[in-house]
C-alpha atoms as a PDB file:
ATOM      1  CA  MET A   1       0.000   0.000   0.000  1.00  0.00           C
ATOM      2  CA  ALA A   2       1.395   3.382  -1.026  1.00  0.00           C
ATOM      3  CA  GLU A   3       2.005   5.886   1.761  1.00  0.00           C
ATOM      4  CA  THR A   4      -0.229   8.956   1.616  1.00  0.00           C
ATOM      5  CA  ASP A   5       1.512  12.214   0.778  1.00  0.00           C
ATOM      6  CA  TRP A   6      -0.509  14.398   3.133  1.00  0.00           C
ATOM      7  CA  LEU A   7       0.988  17.697   2.010  1.00  0.00           C
ATOM      8  CA  LYS A   8       0.180  16.890  -1.617  1.00  0.00           C
ATOM      9  CA  LEU A   9      -3.325  15.784  -0.646  1.00  0.00           C
ATOM     10  CA  TRP A  10      -3.868  19.119   1.124  1.00  0.00           C
ATOM     11  CA  SER A  11      -2.598  20.976  -1.952  1.00  0.00           C
ATOM     12  CA  ASP A  12      -4.746  18.942  -4.369  1.00  0.00           C
ATOM     13  CA  LEU A  13      -7.950  19.446  -2.365  1.00  0.00           C
ATOM     14  CA  THR A  14      -7.259  23.129  -1.773  1.00  0.00           C
ATOM     15  CA  GLN A  15      -6.818  23.756  -5.482  1.00  0.00           C
ATOM     16  CA  ALA A  16      -9.814  21.596  -6.385  1.00  0.00           C
ATOM     17  CA  ASN A  17     -12.047  23.613  -4.045  1.00  0.00           C
ATOM     18  CA  PHE A  18     -10.589  27.029  -4.852  1.00  0.00           C
ATOM     19  CA  ARG A  19     -12.840  29.386  -6.815  1.00  0.00           C
ATOM     20  CA  ALA A  20     -11.010  32.446  -8.058  1.00  0.00           C
ATOM     21  CA  ASP A  21     -14.299  34.096  -9.037  1.00  0.00           C
ATOM     22  CA  ASP A  22     -15.904  33.710  -5.609  1.00  0.00           C
ATOM     23  CA  THR A  23     -16.768  37.372  -5.044  1.00  0.00           C
ATOM     24  CA  ASN A  24     -19.259  36.435  -2.321  1.00  0.00           C
ATOM     25  CA  LEU A  25     -16.586  34.895  -0.091  1.00  0.00           C
ATOM     26  CA  PRO A  26     -16.350  37.810   2.417  1.00  0.00           C
ATOM     27  CA  ARG A  27     -20.120  37.895   2.867  1.00  0.00           C
ATOM     28  CA  ARG A  28     -20.413  34.098   3.172  1.00  0.00           C
ATOM     29  CA  TYR A  29     -17.567  34.080   5.691  1.00  0.00           C
ATOM     30  CA  GLN A  30     -19.290  36.797   7.709  1.00  0.00           C
ATOM     31  CA  VAL A  31     -22.585  34.892   7.782  1.00  0.00           C
ATOM     32  CA  HIS A  32     -20.790  31.680   8.800  1.00  0.00           C
ATOM     33  CA  THR A  33     -18.826  33.295  11.628  1.00  0.00           C
ATOM     34  CA  GLU A  34     -21.857  35.233  12.864  1.00  0.00           C
ATOM     35  CA  LYS A  35     -23.757  31.954  13.150  1.00  0.00           C
ATOM     36  CA  LYS A  36     -20.847  30.400  15.036  1.00  0.00           C
ATOM     37  CA  GLN A  37     -20.605  33.458  17.254  1.00  0.00           C
ATOM     38  CA  GLU A  38     -24.016  32.535  18.614  1.00  0.00           C
ATOM     39  CA  ARG A  39     -22.644  29.345  20.185  1.00  0.00           C
ATOM     40  CA  PRO A  40     -19.763  28.614  22.596  1.00  0.00           C
ATOM     41  CA  ASP A  41     -16.263  28.117  21.208  1.00  0.00           C
ATOM     42  CA  PRO A  42     -14.437  25.722  23.563  1.00  0.00           C
ATOM     43  CA  LEU A  43     -11.327  25.728  21.387  1.00  0.00           C
ATOM     44  CA  LEU A  44     -10.984  29.505  21.686  1.00  0.00           C
ATOM     45  CA  ASP A  45     -11.687  29.253  25.419  1.00  0.00           C
ATOM     46  CA  TYR A  46      -8.870  26.736  25.777  1.00  0.00           C
ATOM     47  CA  LEU A  47      -6.469  28.814  23.694  1.00  0.00           C
ATOM     48  CA  LEU A  48      -7.141  31.832  25.905  1.00  0.00           C
ATOM     49  CA  THR A  49      -5.898  29.832  28.911  1.00  0.00           C
ATOM     50  CA  LEU A  50      -2.513  29.666  27.154  1.00  0.00           C
ATOM     51  CA  VAL A  51      -2.345  33.438  26.613  1.00  0.00           C
ATOM     52  CA  ASP A  52      -0.824  35.738  29.223  1.00  0.00           C
ATOM     53  CA  PRO A  53      -1.206  39.555  29.452  1.00  0.00           C
ATOM     54  CA  GLU A  54       2.331  40.165  28.197  1.00  0.00           C
ATOM     55  CA  MET A  55       1.912  38.282  24.928  1.00  0.00           C
ATOM     56  CA  SER A  56       1.980  39.694  21.427  1.00  0.00           C
ATOM     57  CA  VAL A  57      -0.337  37.803  19.065  1.00  0.00           C
ATOM     58  CA  LEU A  58      -0.261  37.563  15.273  1.00  0.00           C
ATOM     59  CA  GLU A  59      -3.542  36.382  13.750  1.00  0.00           C
ATOM     60  CA  ILE A  60      -3.866  35.257  10.123  1.00  0.00           C
ATOM     61  CA  GLY A  61      -7.216  35.956   8.449  1.00  0.00           C
ATOM     62  CA  PRO A  62      -9.244  37.323  11.389  1.00  0.00           C
ATOM     63  CA  GLY A  63     -12.551  37.558   9.520  1.00  0.00           C
ATOM     64  CA  ASN A  64     -15.029  39.538  11.594  1.00  0.00           C
ATOM     65  CA  GLY A  65     -12.991  39.262  14.802  1.00  0.00           C
ATOM     66  CA  ARG A  66     -14.456  36.065  16.239  1.00  0.00           C
ATOM     67  CA  TRP A  67     -11.051  35.326  17.800  1.00  0.00           C
ATOM     68  CA  THR A  68      -9.477  38.785  17.532  1.00  0.00           C
ATOM     69  CA  ILE A  69     -11.638  40.493  20.147  1.00  0.00           C
ATOM     70  CA  PRO A  70     -11.179  37.882  22.941  1.00  0.00           C
ATOM     71  CA  LEU A  71      -7.443  37.638  22.190  1.00  0.00           C
ATOM     72  CA  ALA A  72      -7.051  41.419  22.327  1.00  0.00           C
ATOM     73  CA  ARG A  73      -8.828  41.507  25.680  1.00  0.00           C
ATOM     74  CA  LYS A  74      -6.339  38.994  27.081  1.00  0.00           C
ATOM     75  CA  ALA A  75      -3.033  39.788  25.340  1.00  0.00           C
ATOM     76  CA  ALA A  76      -0.885  42.924  25.307  1.00  0.00           C
ATOM     77  CA  ARG A  77      -1.368  43.463  21.569  1.00  0.00           C
ATOM     78  CA  VAL A  78      -2.782  41.722  18.523  1.00  0.00           C
ATOM     79  CA  THR A  79      -1.667  42.188  14.925  1.00  0.00           C
ATOM     80  CA  VAL A  80      -3.970  40.789  12.255  1.00  0.00           C
ATOM     81  CA  VAL A  81      -3.230  39.938   8.629  1.00  0.00           C
ATOM     82  CA  GLU A  82      -6.238  40.631   6.389  1.00  0.00           C
ATOM     83  CA  PRO A  83      -5.914  41.390   2.640  1.00  0.00           C
ATOM     84  CA  SER A  84      -9.662  41.867   2.039  1.00  0.00           C
ATOM     85  CA  ALA A  85     -10.836  45.499   2.333  1.00  0.00           C
ATOM     86  CA  GLU A  86     -14.389  44.332   3.028  1.00  0.00           C
ATOM     87  CA  MET A  87     -13.320  42.029   5.853  1.00  0.00           C
ATOM     88  CA  ARG A  88     -11.069  44.755   7.299  1.00  0.00           C
ATOM     89  CA  SER A  89     -14.055  47.097   7.392  1.00  0.00           C
ATOM     90  CA  ILE A  90     -16.145  44.510   9.264  1.00  0.00           C
ATOM     91  CA  LEU A  91     -13.300  43.865  11.695  1.00  0.00           C
ATOM     92  CA  HIS A  92     -12.727  47.594  12.271  1.00  0.00           C
ATOM     93  CA  GLU A  93     -16.342  48.028  13.332  1.00  0.00           C
ATOM     94  CA  LYS A  94     -16.041  45.127  15.774  1.00  0.00           C
ATOM     95  CA  VAL A  95     -12.816  46.460  17.293  1.00  0.00           C
ATOM     96  CA  VAL A  96     -14.222  49.978  17.701  1.00  0.00           C
ATOM     97  CA  SER A  97     -17.434  48.626  19.188  1.00  0.00           C
ATOM     98  CA  ALA A  98     -15.401  46.590  21.692  1.00  0.00           C
ATOM     99  CA  GLY A  99     -13.422  49.698  22.690  1.00  0.00           C
ATOM    100  CA  LEU A 100     -10.047  48.105  21.992  1.00  0.00           C
ATOM    101  CA  ALA A 101      -6.914  50.099  21.149  1.00  0.00           C
ATOM    102  CA  ASN A 102      -4.340  47.280  20.984  1.00  0.00           C
ATOM    103  CA  VAL A 103      -5.282  45.817  17.578  1.00  0.00           C
ATOM    104  CA  SER A 104      -3.324  46.691  14.447  1.00  0.00           C
ATOM    105  CA  VAL A 105      -4.015  45.534  10.894  1.00  0.00           C
ATOM    106  CA  LEU A 106      -1.688  44.493   8.085  1.00  0.00           C
ATOM    107  CA  SER A 107      -3.545  44.855   4.779  1.00  0.00           C
ATOM    108  CA  GLU A 108      -1.602  42.268   2.846  1.00  0.00           C
ATOM    109  CA  LYS A 109      -1.511  38.565   2.089  1.00  0.00           C
ATOM    110  CA  TRP A 110       0.081  36.172   4.553  1.00  0.00           C
ATOM    111  CA  GLU A 111       2.615  35.142   1.919  1.00  0.00           C
ATOM    112  CA  THR A 112       4.171  38.649   1.915  1.00  0.00           C
ATOM    113  CA  VAL A 113       3.964  39.514   5.627  1.00  0.00           C
ATOM    114  CA  LYS A 114       7.263  40.356   7.363  1.00  0.00           C
ATOM    115  CA  SER A 115       5.949  41.248  10.807  1.00  0.00           C
ATOM    116  CA  SER A 116       8.043  39.703  13.594  1.00  0.00           C
ATOM    117  CA  GLY A 117       8.503  39.713  17.357  1.00  0.00           C
ATOM    118  CA  HIS A 118       5.304  37.861  18.294  1.00  0.00           C
ATOM    119  CA  ASP A 119       4.796  35.202  20.940  1.00  0.00           C
ATOM    120  CA  LEU A 120       1.737  33.487  19.507  1.00  0.00           C
ATOM    121  CA  CYS A 121       0.658  32.969  15.893  1.00  0.00           C
ATOM    122  CA  VAL A 122      -2.926  31.809  15.341  1.00  0.00           C
ATOM    123  CA  CYS A 123      -5.093  30.974  12.371  1.00  0.00           C
ATOM    124  CA  ALA A 124      -8.771  30.064  12.580  1.00  0.00           C
ATOM    125  CA  HIS A 125     -10.164  28.580   9.353  1.00  0.00           C
ATOM    126  CA  SER A 126      -8.300  30.872   6.991  1.00  0.00           C
ATOM    127  CA  MET A 127      -5.778  28.347   5.648  1.00  0.00           C
ATOM    128  CA  TYR A 128      -8.126  26.525   3.287  1.00  0.00           C
ATOM    129  CA  ARG A 129      -7.132  28.614   0.259  1.00  0.00           C
ATOM    130  CA  SER A 130      -3.391  28.092   0.788  1.00  0.00           C
ATOM    131  CA  PRO A 131      -2.197  25.057  -1.192  1.00  0.00           C
ATOM    132  CA  ASP A 132       1.333  25.093   0.260  1.00  0.00           C
ATOM    133  CA  LEU A 133       0.606  24.057   3.837  1.00  0.00           C
ATOM    134  CA  ALA A 134       4.297  23.485   4.633  1.00  0.00           C
ATOM    135  CA  PHE A 135       5.132  27.092   3.695  1.00  0.00           C
ATOM    136  CA  PHE A 136       2.107  28.377   5.620  1.00  0.00           C
ATOM    137  CA  VAL A 137       3.103  26.485   8.781  1.00  0.00           C
ATOM    138  CA  ARG A 138       6.833  27.223   8.620  1.00  0.00           C
ATOM    139  CA  LYS A 139       6.047  30.900   8.250  1.00  0.00           C
ATOM    140  CA  MET A 140       3.805  30.700  11.341  1.00  0.00           C
ATOM    141  CA  GLU A 141       6.728  29.205  13.249  1.00  0.00           C
ATOM    142  CA  ALA A 142       9.069  31.922  12.023  1.00  0.00           C
ATOM    143  CA  HIS A 143       6.730  34.576  13.448  1.00  0.00           C
ATOM    144  CA  ALA A 144       5.932  32.917  16.775  1.00  0.00           C
ATOM    145  CA  GLY A 145       8.339  32.653  19.693  1.00  0.00           C
ATOM    146  CA  GLN A 146       6.218  30.472  21.959  1.00  0.00           C
ATOM    147  CA  LEU A 147       3.166  28.925  20.337  1.00  0.00           C
ATOM    148  CA  CYS A 148       1.404  28.255  17.025  1.00  0.00           C
ATOM    149  CA  ALA A 149      -2.278  27.324  16.843  1.00  0.00           C
ATOM    150  CA  MET A 150      -4.656  26.468  14.000  1.00  0.00           C
ATOM    151  CA  SER A 151      -8.387  25.845  14.228  1.00  0.00           C
ATOM    152  CA  ILE A 152      -9.519  23.583  11.381  1.00  0.00           C
ATOM    153  CA  ARG A 153     -12.786  21.820  10.587  1.00  0.00           C
ATOM    154  CA  ILE A 154     -12.881  18.118  11.348  1.00  0.00           C
ATOM    155  CA  PRO A 155     -15.592  16.022   9.649  1.00  0.00           C
ATOM    156  CA  PRO A 156     -17.323  13.086  11.356  1.00  0.00           C
ATOM    157  CA  ALA A 157     -16.022   9.653  10.401  1.00  0.00           C
ATOM    158  CA  ASP A 158     -19.528   8.426   9.560  1.00  0.00           C
ATOM    159  CA  GLY A 159     -20.557  11.458   7.491  1.00  0.00           C
ATOM    160  CA  ILE A 160     -22.558  11.287   4.281  1.00  0.00           C
ATOM    161  CA  MET A 161     -19.982  13.423   2.504  1.00  0.00           C
ATOM    162  CA  ALA A 162     -17.198  11.002   3.468  1.00  0.00           C
ATOM    163  CA  GLU A 163     -19.253   8.119   2.076  1.00  0.00           C
ATOM    164  CA  LEU A 164     -20.111   9.906  -1.166  1.00  0.00           C
ATOM    165  CA  SER A 165     -16.635  11.333  -1.694  1.00  0.00           C
ATOM    166  CA  GLY A 166     -15.161   7.868  -1.250  1.00  0.00           C
ATOM    167  CA  LYS A 167     -17.442   6.493  -3.959  1.00  0.00           C
ATOM    168  CA  VAL A 168     -17.106   9.443  -6.337  1.00  0.00           C
ATOM    169  CA  HIS A 169     -13.475  10.495  -5.869  1.00  0.00           C
ATOM    170  CA  ASP A 170     -12.004   7.356  -4.221  1.00  0.00           C
ATOM    171  CA  LEU A 171     -11.129   9.617  -1.291  1.00  0.00           C
ATOM    172  CA  ARG A 172     -13.099  10.174   1.915  1.00  0.00           C
ATOM    173  CA  GLN A 173     -12.035  13.824   2.212  1.00  0.00           C
ATOM    174  CA  ASP A 174     -13.908  16.239  -0.055  1.00  0.00           C
ATOM    175  CA  SER A 175     -11.888  19.255   1.158  1.00  0.00           C
ATOM    176  CA  PRO A 176      -8.899  20.163   3.385  1.00  0.00           C
ATOM    177  CA  ASP A 177      -9.482  19.233   7.035  1.00  0.00           C
ATOM    178  CA  ALA A 178      -7.813  18.685  10.410  1.00  0.00           C
ATOM    179  CA  ILE A 179      -7.072  15.009   9.755  1.00  0.00           C
ATOM    180  CA  ILE A 180      -5.016  15.885   6.687  1.00  0.00           C
ATOM    181  CA  ALA A 181      -3.339  18.829   8.448  1.00  0.00           C
ATOM    182  CA  PHE A 182      -2.390  16.769  11.525  1.00  0.00           C
ATOM    183  CA  ASN A 183      -0.793  14.051   9.418  1.00  0.00           C
ATOM    184  CA  ALA A 184       0.917  16.607   7.169  1.00  0.00           C
ATOM    185  CA  LEU A 185       2.482  18.373  10.162  1.00  0.00           C
ATOM    186  CA  TYR A 186       3.506  15.017  11.604  1.00  0.00           C
ATOM    187  CA  THR A 187       5.392  14.174   8.405  1.00  0.00           C
ATOM    188  CA  MET A 188       7.089  17.583   8.702  1.00  0.00           C
ATOM    189  CA  GLY A 189       8.479  16.509  12.071  1.00  0.00           C
ATOM    190  CA  ILE A 190       6.200  18.775  14.116  1.00  0.00           C
ATOM    191  CA  ASN A 191       4.954  17.399  17.435  1.00  0.00           C
ATOM    192  CA  VAL A 192       1.349  18.542  17.265  1.00  0.00           C
ATOM    193  CA  ASN A 193      -1.187  18.598  20.079  1.00  0.00           C
ATOM    194  CA  ILE A 194      -4.829  18.258  19.054  1.00  0.00           C
ATOM    195  CA  ARG A 195      -8.006  19.228  20.866  1.00  0.00           C
ATOM    196  CA  VAL A 196     -11.401  18.464  19.315  1.00  0.00           C
ATOM    197  CA  GLU A 197     -14.780  20.026  20.052  1.00  0.00           C
ATOM    198  CA  GLU A 198     -17.029  17.482  21.724  1.00  0.00           C
ATOM    199  CA  GLY A 199     -20.246  18.713  20.166  1.00  0.00           C
ATOM    200  CA  ILE A 200     -21.217  19.075  16.536  1.00  0.00           C
ATOM    201  CA  VAL A 201     -23.744  21.434  14.956  1.00  0.00           C
ATOM    202  CA  HIS A 202     -25.416  19.220  12.387  1.00  0.00           C
ATOM    203  CA  TRP A 203     -26.246  20.448   8.909  1.00  0.00           C
ATOM    204  CA  GLU A 204     -29.946  20.794   8.199  1.00  0.00           C
ATOM    205  CA  ASN A 205     -31.958  21.290   5.026  1.00  0.00           C
ATOM    206  CA  ARG A 206     -35.628  21.967   4.392  1.00  0.00           C
ATOM    207  CA  SER A 207     -35.943  19.686   1.377  1.00  0.00           C
ATOM    208  CA  LEU A 208     -34.237  16.832  -0.394  1.00  0.00           C
ATOM    209  CA  GLU A 209     -33.561  19.137  -3.351  1.00  0.00           C
ATOM    210  CA  GLU A 210     -31.735  21.567  -1.074  1.00  0.00           C
ATOM    211  CA  ALA A 211     -29.674  18.754   0.478  1.00  0.00           C
ATOM    212  CA  PHE A 212     -28.948  17.381  -3.006  1.00  0.00           C
ATOM    213  CA  ALA A 213     -27.615  20.753  -4.161  1.00  0.00           C
ATOM    214  CA  ARG A 214     -25.467  20.967  -1.040  1.00  0.00           C
ATOM    215  CA  ALA A 215     -23.957  17.529  -1.671  1.00  0.00           C
ATOM    216  CA  LYS A 216     -23.204  18.293  -5.320  1.00  0.00           C
ATOM    217  CA  ARG A 217     -21.523  21.560  -4.354  1.00  0.00           C
ATOM    218  CA  HIS A 218     -19.266  19.833  -1.812  1.00  0.00           C
ATOM    219  CA  LEU A 219     -18.440  17.098  -4.314  1.00  0.00           C
ATOM    220  CA  ARG A 220     -17.710  19.683  -7.026  1.00  0.00           C
ATOM    221  CA  LEU A 221     -20.300  18.087  -9.319  1.00  0.00           C
ATOM    222  CA  GLU A 222     -22.517  21.081 -10.149  1.00  0.00           C
ATOM    223  CA  ASN A 223     -21.853  20.592 -13.864  1.00  0.00           C
ATOM    224  CA  SER A 224     -22.225  16.811 -13.922  1.00  0.00           C
ATOM    225  CA  VAL A 225     -25.190  14.447 -13.666  1.00  0.00           C
ATOM    226  CA  GLN A 226     -23.144  11.250 -13.569  1.00  0.00           C
ATOM    227  CA  TYR A 227     -23.609  10.609  -9.855  1.00  0.00           C
ATOM    228  CA  ASP A 228     -27.037  12.186  -9.331  1.00  0.00           C
ATOM    229  CA  SER A 229     -28.760   8.850  -8.700  1.00  0.00           C
ATOM    230  CA  LEU A 230     -26.123   7.748  -6.183  1.00  0.00           C
ATOM    231  CA  ILE A 231     -26.322  11.063  -4.321  1.00  0.00           C
ATOM    232  CA  LYS A 232     -30.124  11.082  -4.122  1.00  0.00           C
ATOM    233  CA  THR A 233     -30.303   7.443  -3.032  1.00  0.00           C
ATOM    234  CA  THR A 234     -27.691   7.998  -0.322  1.00  0.00           C
ATOM    235  CA  LEU A 235     -29.436  11.123   0.970  1.00  0.00           C
ATOM    236  CA  GLN A 236     -32.837   9.423   1.036  1.00  0.00           C
ATOM    237  CA  LYS A 237     -31.329   6.548   3.000  1.00  0.00           C
ATOM    238  CA  ARG A 238     -29.272   8.484   5.516  1.00  0.00           C
ATOM    239  CA  LEU A 239     -30.902  11.873   6.161  1.00  0.00           C
ATOM    240  CA  VAL A 240     -33.121  11.955   9.249  1.00  0.00           C
ATOM    241  CA  ASN A 241     -36.459  13.745   8.919  1.00  0.00           C
ATOM    242  CA  ASN A 242     -37.150  15.667  12.113  1.00  0.00           C
ATOM    243  CA  GLU A 243     -40.504  17.457  11.849  1.00  0.00           C
ATOM    244  CA  GLY A 244     -39.917  18.478   8.249  1.00  0.00           C
ATOM    245  CA  VAL A 245     -36.220  19.302   8.678  1.00  0.00           C
ATOM    246  CA  LEU A 246     -33.673  16.940   7.126  1.00  0.00           C
ATOM    247  CA  ARG A 247     -30.752  16.422   9.460  1.00  0.00           C
ATOM    248  CA  TRP A 248     -27.304  15.247   8.350  1.00  0.00           C
ATOM    249  CA  PRO A 249     -24.811  13.238  10.417  1.00  0.00           C
ATOM    250  CA  ASP A 250     -22.321  15.798   8.976  1.00  0.00           C
ATOM    251  CA  GLY A 251     -21.944  19.205  10.543  1.00  0.00           C
ATOM    252  CA  MET A 252     -19.766  21.995  11.912  1.00  0.00           C
ATOM    253  CA  ARG A 253     -17.041  20.932  14.309  1.00  0.00           C
ATOM    254  CA  SER A 254     -13.428  22.033  14.637  1.00  0.00           C
ATOM    255  CA  ALA A 255     -10.122  20.794  15.995  1.00  0.00           C
ATOM    256  CA  LEU A 256      -7.353  22.919  17.487  1.00  0.00           C
ATOM    257  CA  LEU A 257      -3.845  21.967  16.372  1.00  0.00           C
ATOM    258  CA  TYR A 258      -1.225  23.652  18.532  1.00  0.00           C
ATOM    259  CA  TRP A 259       2.494  23.264  19.077  1.00  0.00           C
ATOM    260  CA  ASN A 260       5.672  24.915  20.268  1.00  0.00           C
ATOM    261  CA  PRO A 261       7.664  26.158  17.259  1.00  0.00           C
ATOM    262  CA  GLN A 262      10.743  24.450  18.703  1.00  0.00           C
ATOM    263  CA  SER A 263       9.080  21.022  19.166  1.00  0.00           C
ATOM    264  CA  VAL A 264      10.391  19.436  15.989  1.00  0.00           C
ATOM    265  CA  SER A 265      11.299  15.769  15.810  1.00  0.00           C
ATOM    266  CA  VAL A 266      14.766  14.802  14.601  1.00  0.00           C
ATOM    267  CA  LYS A 267      14.503  12.613  11.516  1.00  0.00           C
END
């Protein structure tokens, strides 16, 4: 059996899911994070226990400040890297509303950032569009003196998408996730700690047609009808109807990967 090249798998899935023309990304990201903001974030809560008042934090892709605001309330200063003008505007409003004066913004891409002198480098769900995970991670280490942390989605092992992706693409992962990232960092010689949310917010749809469209989007099959019968049959078999709402075993859950930049195995 051939050994999986986890870094290549991350790169392949990132590029397969990347949409250069996705002009609605900032708005979709805002809606997603606002929904998550309504529920507890145990991974953020745990990370905050590792932050002391003297720390300088560098955050990659802060979005609307879901992590930025709590980090700024705990740490001495927070520098965020956000190339999107629209997302910077949303973040600015959040920072002003929170009355914080220790947040600074770098309006450039992570690949070009040269900011240094930070203790902690964090990234919550903003690495999915970066095909070179090794570069992304090594740059985090170069900018963090004490700790690196990444929050990444982790799909359930018994998910419908894992089943369908395995049958359609011969691969259980339909997109980059924490399982791939953990194994990729392990092959890089990084001793990674992992903490997984216990709960999961299950996906829900109001109709089979809506669920079908969701599955095709995740499988990147919007322009193909080849697997339509398989997808519909699988959804009809596995979705649970709860008072008119179709509930998936799949859903929103994240894992926190964190490590000391110096904790590298000798190979």
